[in-house]
PDB file of N, CA and C in Angstrom:
ATOM      1  N   UNK A   1      13.616  -2.323 -17.194  1.00  0.00           N
ATOM      2  CA  UNK A   1      13.081  -1.716 -17.847  1.00  0.00           C
ATOM      3  C   UNK A   1      12.847  -0.541 -18.231  1.00  0.00           C
ATOM      4  N   UNK A   2      13.484   0.507 -19.287  1.00  0.00           N
ATOM      5  CA  UNK A   2      12.815   2.111 -19.349  1.00  0.00           C
ATOM      6  C   UNK A   2      11.663   2.476 -19.745  1.00  0.00           C
ATOM      7  N   UNK A   3      10.688   3.576 -19.470  1.00  0.00           N
ATOM      8  CA  UNK A   3       9.498   3.789 -19.526  1.00  0.00           C
ATOM      9  C   UNK A   3       9.192   5.117 -19.918  1.00  0.00           C
ATOM     10  N   UNK A   4       9.650   5.509 -21.306  1.00  0.00           N
ATOM     11  CA  UNK A   4       9.994   7.121 -21.308  1.00  0.00           C
ATOM     12  C   UNK A   4       8.604   8.040 -21.241  1.00  0.00           C
ATOM     13  N   UNK A   5       8.581   8.796 -21.069  1.00  0.00           N
ATOM     14  CA  UNK A   5       6.906   9.544 -21.487  1.00  0.00           C
ATOM     15  C   UNK A   5       7.267  11.135 -21.639  1.00  0.00           C
ATOM     16  N   UNK A   6       6.930  11.454 -22.825  1.00  0.00           N
ATOM     17  CA  UNK A   6       7.243  13.171 -23.182  1.00  0.00           C
ATOM     18  C   UNK A   6       5.956  13.345 -22.805  1.00  0.00           C
ATOM     19  N   UNK A   7       6.114  14.493 -21.632  1.00  0.00           N
ATOM     20  CA  UNK A   7       4.997  14.630 -20.492  1.00  0.00           C
ATOM     21  C   UNK A   7       4.566  16.230 -21.326  1.00  0.00           C
ATOM     22  N   UNK A   8       4.664  17.063 -22.660  1.00  0.00           N
ATOM     23  CA  UNK A   8       3.739  17.495 -22.580  1.00  0.00           C
ATOM     24  C   UNK A   8       3.730  17.281 -24.478  1.00  0.00           C
ATOM     25  N   UNK A   9       4.021  16.480 -24.650  1.00  0.00           N
ATOM     26  CA  UNK A   9       4.099  16.080 -26.272  1.00  0.00           C
ATOM     27  C   UNK A   9       4.403  16.889 -26.943  1.00  0.00           C
ATOM     28  N   UNK A  10       5.073  16.305 -28.471  1.00  0.00           N
ATOM     29  CA  UNK A  10       6.061  17.392 -29.264  1.00  0.00           C
ATOM     30  C   UNK A  10       5.981  18.201 -29.228  1.00  0.00           C
ATOM     31  N   UNK A  11       4.839  19.559 -28.530  1.00  0.00           N
ATOM     32  CA  UNK A  11       4.885  20.548 -29.090  1.00  0.00           C
ATOM     33  C   UNK A  11       4.849  21.569 -28.045  1.00  0.00           C
ATOM     34  N   UNK A  12       4.740  20.916 -26.806  1.00  0.00           N
ATOM     35  CA  UNK A  12       5.164  21.192 -25.588  1.00  0.00           C
ATOM     36  C   UNK A  12       5.874  22.187 -24.859  1.00  0.00           C
ATOM     37  N   UNK A  13       6.314  22.338 -23.513  1.00  0.00           N
ATOM     38  CA  UNK A  13       7.642  22.508 -22.962  1.00  0.00           C
ATOM     39  C   UNK A  13       8.093  21.345 -22.826  1.00  0.00           C
ATOM     40  N   UNK A  14       9.471  21.502 -23.319  1.00  0.00           N
ATOM     41  CA  UNK A  14      10.239  20.355 -23.404  1.00  0.00           C
ATOM     42  C   UNK A  14      10.652  19.757 -21.676  1.00  0.00           C
ATOM     43  N   UNK A  15       9.970  18.085 -21.595  1.00  0.00           N
ATOM     44  CA  UNK A  15      10.569  17.706 -20.358  1.00  0.00           C
ATOM     45  C   UNK A  15      10.369  15.899 -20.440  1.00  0.00           C
ATOM     46  N   UNK A  16      11.188  15.554 -20.844  1.00  0.00           N
ATOM     47  CA  UNK A  16      11.041  13.993 -20.783  1.00  0.00           C
ATOM     48  C   UNK A  16      11.107  13.073 -19.260  1.00  0.00           C
ATOM     49  N   UNK A  17      10.375  12.674 -19.116  1.00  0.00           N
ATOM     50  CA  UNK A  17      10.448  11.463 -17.230  1.00  0.00           C
ATOM     51  C   UNK A  17      10.716  10.129 -18.388  1.00  0.00           C
ATOM     52  N   UNK A  18      11.759   9.724 -17.568  1.00  0.00           N
ATOM     53  CA  UNK A  18      12.209   8.357 -17.791  1.00  0.00           C
ATOM     54  C   UNK A  18      12.552   7.423 -16.363  1.00  0.00           C
ATOM     55  N   UNK A  19      11.528   6.485 -16.573  1.00  0.00           N
ATOM     56  CA  UNK A  19      11.071   5.775 -15.251  1.00  0.00           C
ATOM     57  C   UNK A  19      12.055   4.548 -15.321  1.00  0.00           C
ATOM     58  N   UNK A  20      13.036   4.207 -14.080  1.00  0.00           N
ATOM     59  CA  UNK A  20      13.807   2.598 -14.285  1.00  0.00           C
ATOM     60  C   UNK A  20      12.712   1.630 -13.793  1.00  0.00           C
ATOM     61  N   UNK A  21      11.707   1.127 -14.020  1.00  0.00           N
ATOM     62  CA  UNK A  21      10.953   0.175 -13.556  1.00  0.00           C
ATOM     63  C   UNK A  21      11.515  -0.117 -12.388  1.00  0.00           C
ATOM     64  N   UNK A  22      12.534  -1.165 -12.809  1.00  0.00           N
ATOM     65  CA  UNK A  22      13.085  -2.277 -11.650  1.00  0.00           C
ATOM     66  C   UNK A  22      13.918  -1.656 -10.685  1.00  0.00           C
ATOM     67  N   UNK A  23      14.337  -0.244 -10.705  1.00  0.00           N
ATOM     68  CA  UNK A  23      15.234   0.529  -9.959  1.00  0.00           C
ATOM     69  C   UNK A  23      14.304   1.338  -9.054  1.00  0.00           C
ATOM     70  N   UNK A  24      12.975   1.552  -9.233  1.00  0.00           N
ATOM     71  CA  UNK A  24      12.415   2.175  -8.377  1.00  0.00           C
ATOM     72  C   UNK A  24      13.005   3.373  -8.311  1.00  0.00           C
ATOM     73  N   UNK A  25      13.272   4.741  -9.485  1.00  0.00           N
ATOM     74  CA  UNK A  25      13.460   5.379  -9.821  1.00  0.00           C
ATOM     75  C   UNK A  25      12.970   6.274 -10.961  1.00  0.00           C
ATOM     76  N   UNK A  26      13.387   7.246 -11.182  1.00  0.00           N
ATOM     77  CA  UNK A  26      13.649   7.687 -12.761  1.00  0.00           C
ATOM     78  C   UNK A  26      14.387   8.985 -12.736  1.00  0.00           C
ATOM     79  N   UNK A  27      14.182   9.712 -13.881  1.00  0.00           N
ATOM     80  CA  UNK A  27      15.505  10.739 -14.359  1.00  0.00           C
ATOM     81  C   UNK A  27      14.249  11.936 -14.954  1.00  0.00           C
ATOM     82  N   UNK A  28      14.441  13.033 -15.108  1.00  0.00           N
ATOM     83  CA  UNK A  28      13.782  14.279 -16.312  1.00  0.00           C
ATOM     84  C   UNK A  28      14.851  14.522 -16.612  1.00  0.00           C
ATOM     85  N   UNK A  29      14.628  14.528 -18.094  1.00  0.00           N
ATOM     86  CA  UNK A  29      15.527  15.253 -19.105  1.00  0.00           C
ATOM     87  C   UNK A  29      14.880  16.933 -19.368  1.00  0.00           C
ATOM     88  N   UNK A  30      15.644  17.504 -19.306  1.00  0.00           N
ATOM     89  CA  UNK A  30      14.689  18.822 -19.207  1.00  0.00           C
ATOM     90  C   UNK A  30      13.425  19.364 -18.010  1.00  0.00           C
ATOM     91  N   UNK A  31      13.194  20.320 -18.050  1.00  0.00           N
ATOM     92  CA  UNK A  31      12.231  19.956 -16.620  1.00  0.00           C
ATOM     93  C   UNK A  31      11.312  21.583 -16.793  1.00  0.00           C
ATOM     94  N   UNK A  32      10.495  21.641 -18.189  1.00  0.00           N
ATOM     95  CA  UNK A  32       9.838  22.421 -18.541  1.00  0.00           C
ATOM     96  C   UNK A  32       8.132  21.779 -17.659  1.00  0.00           C
ATOM     97  N   UNK A  33       7.089  22.478 -17.957  1.00  0.00           N
ATOM     98  CA  UNK A  33       6.085  22.284 -17.357  1.00  0.00           C
ATOM     99  C   UNK A  33       5.611  20.572 -17.065  1.00  0.00           C
ATOM    100  N   UNK A  34       5.802  20.523 -15.314  1.00  0.00           N
ATOM    101  CA  UNK A  34       5.841  19.079 -15.460  1.00  0.00           C
ATOM    102  C   UNK A  34       4.455  18.730 -14.408  1.00  0.00           C
ATOM    103  N   UNK A  35       3.069  19.560 -14.828  1.00  0.00           N
ATOM    104  CA  UNK A  35       2.021  19.497 -14.371  1.00  0.00           C
ATOM    105  C   UNK A  35       1.318  18.426 -14.263  1.00  0.00           C
ATOM    106  N   UNK A  36       1.861  17.558 -15.292  1.00  0.00           N
ATOM    107  CA  UNK A  36       0.791  16.701 -15.712  1.00  0.00           C
ATOM    108  C   UNK A  36       1.406  15.314 -14.927  1.00  0.00           C
ATOM    109  N   UNK A  37       2.708  15.174 -14.280  1.00  0.00           N
ATOM    110  CA  UNK A  37       3.014  14.350 -13.865  1.00  0.00           C
ATOM    111  C   UNK A  37       2.576  14.852 -12.609  1.00  0.00           C
ATOM    112  N   UNK A  38       2.162  13.170 -12.005  1.00  0.00           N
ATOM    113  CA  UNK A  38       1.375  13.383 -10.610  1.00  0.00           C
ATOM    114  C   UNK A  38       2.966  13.032  -9.592  1.00  0.00           C
ATOM    115  N   UNK A  39       2.584  13.518  -8.209  1.00  0.00           N
ATOM    116  CA  UNK A  39       3.368  13.875  -7.347  1.00  0.00           C
ATOM    117  C   UNK A  39       4.359  12.572  -7.067  1.00  0.00           C
ATOM    118  N   UNK A  40       3.673  11.043  -6.740  1.00  0.00           N
ATOM    119  CA  UNK A  40       4.168   9.833  -7.104  1.00  0.00           C
ATOM    120  C   UNK A  40       5.222   9.316  -7.902  1.00  0.00           C
ATOM    121  N   UNK A  41       4.795   9.818  -9.060  1.00  0.00           N
ATOM    122  CA  UNK A  41       6.185   9.735  -9.864  1.00  0.00           C
ATOM    123  C   UNK A  41       7.202  10.882  -9.824  1.00  0.00           C
ATOM    124  N   UNK A  42       7.059  11.987  -9.425  1.00  0.00           N
ATOM    125  CA  UNK A  42       7.748  13.360  -9.258  1.00  0.00           C
ATOM    126  C   UNK A  42       8.871  12.925  -7.848  1.00  0.00           C
ATOM    127  N   UNK A  43       8.401  11.901  -7.088  1.00  0.00           N
ATOM    128  CA  UNK A  43       8.805  11.279  -6.033  1.00  0.00           C
ATOM    129  C   UNK A  43       9.947  10.451  -6.280  1.00  0.00           C
ATOM    130  N   UNK A  44       9.606   9.948  -7.669  1.00  0.00           N
ATOM    131  CA  UNK A  44      10.967   8.742  -7.795  1.00  0.00           C
ATOM    132  C   UNK A  44      12.193   9.739  -8.230  1.00  0.00           C
ATOM    133  N   UNK A  45      12.066  10.684  -9.230  1.00  0.00           N
ATOM    134  CA  UNK A  45      12.997  11.519  -9.732  1.00  0.00           C
ATOM    135  C   UNK A  45      14.774  11.324  -8.823  1.00  0.00           C
ATOM    136  N   UNK A  46      15.381  10.834  -9.385  1.00  0.00           N
ATOM    137  CA  UNK A  46      16.866  10.992  -8.587  1.00  0.00           C
ATOM    138  C   UNK A  46      17.578  12.029  -9.282  1.00  0.00           C
ATOM    139  N   UNK A  47      17.748  12.296 -10.803  1.00  0.00           N
ATOM    140  CA  UNK A  47      18.783  12.698 -11.316  1.00  0.00           C
ATOM    141  C   UNK A  47      17.646  13.847 -12.423  1.00  0.00           C
ATOM    142  N   UNK A  48      18.239  15.101 -12.676  1.00  0.00           N
ATOM    143  CA  UNK A  48      17.534  16.122 -13.336  1.00  0.00           C
ATOM    144  C   UNK A  48      18.589  16.373 -14.576  1.00  0.00           C
ATOM    145  N   UNK A  49      18.444  16.005 -15.930  1.00  0.00           N
ATOM    146  CA  UNK A  49      19.428  16.587 -16.851  1.00  0.00           C
ATOM    147  C   UNK A  49      19.184  18.151 -17.705  1.00  0.00           C
ATOM    148  N   UNK A  50      19.523  19.425 -17.164  1.00  0.00           N
ATOM    149  CA  UNK A  50      18.908  20.483 -17.678  1.00  0.00           C
ATOM    150  C   UNK A  50      19.793  20.282 -19.257  1.00  0.00           C
ATOM    151  N   UNK A  51      19.425  20.851 -20.656  1.00  0.00           N
ATOM    152  CA  UNK A  51      19.991  21.000 -21.510  1.00  0.00           C
ATOM    153  C   UNK A  51      20.749  22.546 -21.470  1.00  0.00           C
ATOM    154  N   UNK A  52      19.579  23.396 -21.232  1.00  0.00           N
ATOM    155  CA  UNK A  52      20.750  24.832 -21.418  1.00  0.00           C
ATOM    156  C   UNK A  52      19.505  25.627 -20.482  1.00  0.00           C
ATOM    157  N   UNK A  53      19.448  26.947 -20.308  1.00  0.00           N
ATOM    158  CA  UNK A  53      19.278  27.669 -19.048  1.00  0.00           C
ATOM    159  C   UNK A  53      17.792  28.166 -19.589  1.00  0.00           C
ATOM    160  N   UNK A  54      17.208  28.081 -20.679  1.00  0.00           N
ATOM    161  CA  UNK A  54      16.039  28.856 -21.160  1.00  0.00           C
ATOM    162  C   UNK A  54      14.456  28.381 -20.154  1.00  0.00           C
ATOM    163  N   UNK A  55      13.824  29.480 -20.376  1.00  0.00           N
ATOM    164  CA  UNK A  55      12.652  29.155 -19.025  1.00  0.00           C
ATOM    165  C   UNK A  55      12.075  28.101 -19.314  1.00  0.00           C
ATOM    166  N   UNK A  56      11.773  27.308 -20.477  1.00  0.00           N
ATOM    167  CA  UNK A  56      11.013  26.345 -21.012  1.00  0.00           C
ATOM    168  C   UNK A  56      11.311  25.177 -20.751  1.00  0.00           C
ATOM    169  N   UNK A  57      13.061  25.339 -20.503  1.00  0.00           N
ATOM    170  CA  UNK A  57      13.551  23.906 -19.906  1.00  0.00           C
ATOM    171  C   UNK A  57      13.746  23.880 -18.178  1.00  0.00           C
ATOM    172  N   UNK A  58      13.122  24.891 -17.254  1.00  0.00           N
ATOM    173  CA  UNK A  58      13.285  25.281 -16.027  1.00  0.00           C
ATOM    174  C   UNK A  58      12.221  25.456 -15.235  1.00  0.00           C
ATOM    175  N   UNK A  59      11.169  25.793 -15.680  1.00  0.00           N
ATOM    176  CA  UNK A  59       9.962  26.027 -15.564  1.00  0.00           C
ATOM    177  C   UNK A  59       9.519  24.935 -14.164  1.00  0.00           C
ATOM    178  N   UNK A  60       9.482  23.927 -14.863  1.00  0.00           N
ATOM    179  CA  UNK A  60       9.127  22.872 -13.102  1.00  0.00           C
ATOM    180  C   UNK A  60       9.741  22.518 -12.344  1.00  0.00           C
ATOM    181  N   UNK A  61      10.923  23.526 -12.212  1.00  0.00           N
ATOM    182  CA  UNK A  61      11.956  23.213 -11.200  1.00  0.00           C
ATOM    183  C   UNK A  61      10.854  23.323  -9.905  1.00  0.00           C
ATOM    184  N   UNK A  62      10.091  24.576  -9.705  1.00  0.00           N
ATOM    185  CA  UNK A  62       9.593  24.912  -8.666  1.00  0.00           C
ATOM    186  C   UNK A  62       8.492  23.577  -8.193  1.00  0.00           C
ATOM    187  N   UNK A  63       7.772  22.934  -9.166  1.00  0.00           N
ATOM    188  CA  UNK A  63       7.047  21.982  -9.060  1.00  0.00           C
ATOM    189  C   UNK A  63       7.578  21.196  -8.473  1.00  0.00           C
ATOM    190  N   UNK A  64       8.938  20.196  -8.896  1.00  0.00           N
ATOM    191  CA  UNK A  64       9.573  19.467  -8.286  1.00  0.00           C
ATOM    192  C   UNK A  64       9.832  19.817  -6.943  1.00  0.00           C
ATOM    193  N   UNK A  65      10.124  21.036  -6.826  1.00  0.00           N
ATOM    194  CA  UNK A  65      10.947  21.820  -5.682  1.00  0.00           C
ATOM    195  C   UNK A  65       9.598  21.703  -4.165  1.00  0.00           C
ATOM    196  N   UNK A  66       8.698  21.498  -4.623  1.00  0.00           N
ATOM    197  CA  UNK A  66       7.534  22.146  -4.102  1.00  0.00           C
ATOM    198  C   UNK A  66       6.922  20.605  -4.139  1.00  0.00           C
ATOM    199  N   UNK A  67       6.838  19.552  -4.351  1.00  0.00           N
ATOM    200  CA  UNK A  67       6.304  18.140  -4.453  1.00  0.00           C
ATOM    201  C   UNK A  67       7.636  17.394  -3.420  1.00  0.00           C
ATOM    202  N   UNK A  68       9.092  17.955  -3.368  1.00  0.00           N
ATOM    203  CA  UNK A  68      10.025  17.311  -1.972  1.00  0.00           C
ATOM    204  C   UNK A  68      10.035  18.186  -1.184  1.00  0.00           C
ATOM    205  N   UNK A  69       9.423  18.865  -1.098  1.00  0.00           N
ATOM    206  CA  UNK A  69       9.984  19.957   0.422  1.00  0.00           C
ATOM    207  C   UNK A  69       9.647  18.853   1.516  1.00  0.00           C
ATOM    208  N   UNK A  70      10.293  18.873   2.510  1.00  0.00           N
ATOM    209  CA  UNK A  70       9.633  18.183   3.436  1.00  0.00           C
ATOM    210  C   UNK A  70      10.376  16.875   3.849  1.00  0.00           C
ATOM    211  N   UNK A  71      10.700  16.483   2.515  1.00  0.00           N
ATOM    212  CA  UNK A  71      10.787  14.699   2.434  1.00  0.00           C
ATOM    213  C   UNK A  71      12.092  14.203   2.494  1.00  0.00           C
ATOM    214  N   UNK A  72      12.692  13.325   2.649  1.00  0.00           N
ATOM    215  CA  UNK A  72      14.582  13.222   2.466  1.00  0.00           C
ATOM    216  C   UNK A  72      14.504  12.717   1.165  1.00  0.00           C
ATOM    217  N   UNK A  73      14.998  13.976   0.288  1.00  0.00           N
ATOM    218  CA  UNK A  73      15.133  13.405  -1.049  1.00  0.00           C
ATOM    219  C   UNK A  73      16.411  13.717  -1.298  1.00  0.00           C
ATOM    220  N   UNK A  74      17.078  13.418  -2.522  1.00  0.00           N
ATOM    221  CA  UNK A  74      18.455  13.722  -2.849  1.00  0.00           C
ATOM    222  C   UNK A  74      18.252  13.786  -4.135  1.00  0.00           C
ATOM    223  N   UNK A  75      18.513  14.705  -5.145  1.00  0.00           N
ATOM    224  CA  UNK A  75      18.155  14.852  -6.116  1.00  0.00           C
ATOM    225  C   UNK A  75      19.515  15.172  -7.301  1.00  0.00           C
ATOM    226  N   UNK A  76      20.319  14.508  -7.976  1.00  0.00           N
ATOM    227  CA  UNK A  76      21.420  15.501  -8.432  1.00  0.00           C
ATOM    228  C   UNK A  76      20.900  16.036  -9.825  1.00  0.00           C
ATOM    229  N   UNK A  77      21.399  17.333 -10.114  1.00  0.00           N
ATOM    230  CA  UNK A  77      21.264  18.189 -11.296  1.00  0.00           C
ATOM    231  C   UNK A  77      22.382  18.353 -11.394  1.00  0.00           C
ATOM    232  N   UNK A  78      21.929  17.912 -13.007  1.00  0.00           N
ATOM    233  CA  UNK A  78      23.420  17.965 -14.422  1.00  0.00           C
ATOM    234  C   UNK A  78      22.716  18.826 -15.658  1.00  0.00           C
ATOM    235  N   UNK A  79      23.738  19.636 -15.967  1.00  0.00           N
ATOM    236  CA  UNK A  79      23.421  20.745 -16.496  1.00  0.00           C
ATOM    237  C   UNK A  79      24.797  21.709 -17.508  1.00  0.00           C
ATOM    238  N   UNK A  80      24.686  22.334 -17.849  1.00  0.00           N
ATOM    239  CA  UNK A  80      25.497  23.683 -18.891  1.00  0.00           C
ATOM    240  C   UNK A  80      26.275  23.668 -17.367  1.00  0.00           C
ATOM    241  N   UNK A  81      27.710  24.542 -17.939  1.00  0.00           N
ATOM    242  CA  UNK A  81      28.269  25.686 -16.609  1.00  0.00           C
ATOM    243  C   UNK A  81      27.261  26.852 -16.276  1.00  0.00           C
ATOM    244  N   UNK A  82      27.337  26.611 -14.902  1.00  0.00           N
ATOM    245  CA  UNK A  82      26.694  27.454 -14.322  1.00  0.00           C
ATOM    246  C   UNK A  82      25.022  27.311 -13.862  1.00  0.00           C
ATOM    247  N   UNK A  83      24.774  25.916 -14.275  1.00  0.00           N
ATOM    248  CA  UNK A  83      23.871  25.733 -14.117  1.00  0.00           C
ATOM    249  C   UNK A  83      23.627  25.692 -12.161  1.00  0.00           C
ATOM    250  N   UNK A  84      24.666  25.267 -11.541  1.00  0.00           N
ATOM    251  CA  UNK A  84      24.127  25.155 -10.197  1.00  0.00           C
ATOM    252  C   UNK A  84      23.877  26.971  -9.181  1.00  0.00           C
ATOM    253  N   UNK A  85      24.763  27.704 -10.201  1.00  0.00           N
ATOM    254  CA  UNK A  85      24.432  29.129 -10.031  1.00  0.00           C
ATOM    255  C   UNK A  85      22.720  29.590 -10.142  1.00  0.00           C
ATOM    256  N   UNK A  86      22.467  28.875 -10.686  1.00  0.00           N
ATOM    257  CA  UNK A  86      21.072  29.370 -11.445  1.00  0.00           C
ATOM    258  C   UNK A  86      20.160  28.727 -10.512  1.00  0.00           C
ATOM    259  N   UNK A  87      20.278  27.718 -10.056  1.00  0.00           N
ATOM    260  CA  UNK A  87      19.328  26.836  -9.207  1.00  0.00           C
ATOM    261  C   UNK A  87      19.500  27.207  -7.768  1.00  0.00           C
ATOM    262  N   UNK A  88      20.749  27.636  -7.496  1.00  0.00           N
ATOM    263  CA  UNK A  88      21.106  28.487  -6.116  1.00  0.00           C
ATOM    264  C   UNK A  88      20.191  29.606  -5.911  1.00  0.00           C
ATOM    265  N   UNK A  89      20.194  30.661  -7.157  1.00  0.00           N
ATOM    266  CA  UNK A  89      19.479  32.024  -7.663  1.00  0.00           C
ATOM    267  C   UNK A  89      18.025  31.834  -7.262  1.00  0.00           C
ATOM    268  N   UNK A  90      17.526  30.810  -8.112  1.00  0.00           N
ATOM    269  CA  UNK A  90      16.100  30.335  -7.217  1.00  0.00           C
ATOM    270  C   UNK A  90      15.789  30.352  -6.190  1.00  0.00           C
ATOM    271  N   UNK A  91      16.817  29.297  -5.680  1.00  0.00           N
ATOM    272  CA  UNK A  91      16.726  29.018  -4.085  1.00  0.00           C
ATOM    273  C   UNK A  91      16.601  30.341  -3.259  1.00  0.00           C
ATOM    274  N   UNK A  92      17.488  31.200  -3.330  1.00  0.00           N
ATOM    275  CA  UNK A  92      17.837  32.471  -2.479  1.00  0.00           C
ATOM    276  C   UNK A  92      16.824  33.276  -2.606  1.00  0.00           C
ATOM    277  N   UNK A  93      15.776  32.845  -3.258  1.00  0.00           N
ATOM    278  CA  UNK A  93      14.484  33.681  -3.491  1.00  0.00           C
ATOM    279  C   UNK A  93      13.390  33.529  -2.660  1.00  0.00           C
ATOM    280  N   UNK A  94      13.353  32.382  -1.790  1.00  0.00           N
ATOM    281  CA  UNK A  94      12.603  31.913  -0.709  1.00  0.00           C
ATOM    282  C   UNK A  94      13.136  31.913   0.078  1.00  0.00           C
ATOM    283  N   UNK A  95      12.294  31.819   1.240  1.00  0.00           N
ATOM    284  CA  UNK A  95      12.202  32.039   2.316  1.00  0.00           C
ATOM    285  C   UNK A  95      12.001  30.920   3.150  1.00  0.00           C
TER     286      UNK A  95
END
């Protein structure tokens, strides 16, 4: 059963959280502001789909990373050409 949550309503940053309840996983479609999602929900994320590289579609990446750091998690990131480079540049800024 799919359980979608429009994280910020219709007018906030784009982020759609879709929980696959019987598979114990979830996906994020775009990753705008995700402060409203509890860490327990973010720990279920297996895939992130990013439609394009605007800041309002990526700003939540750091929160997701912060929740997952130090945990044995693997998340697949899907997006337009060059998205891996953009995420790589964000990660390169950290020590």
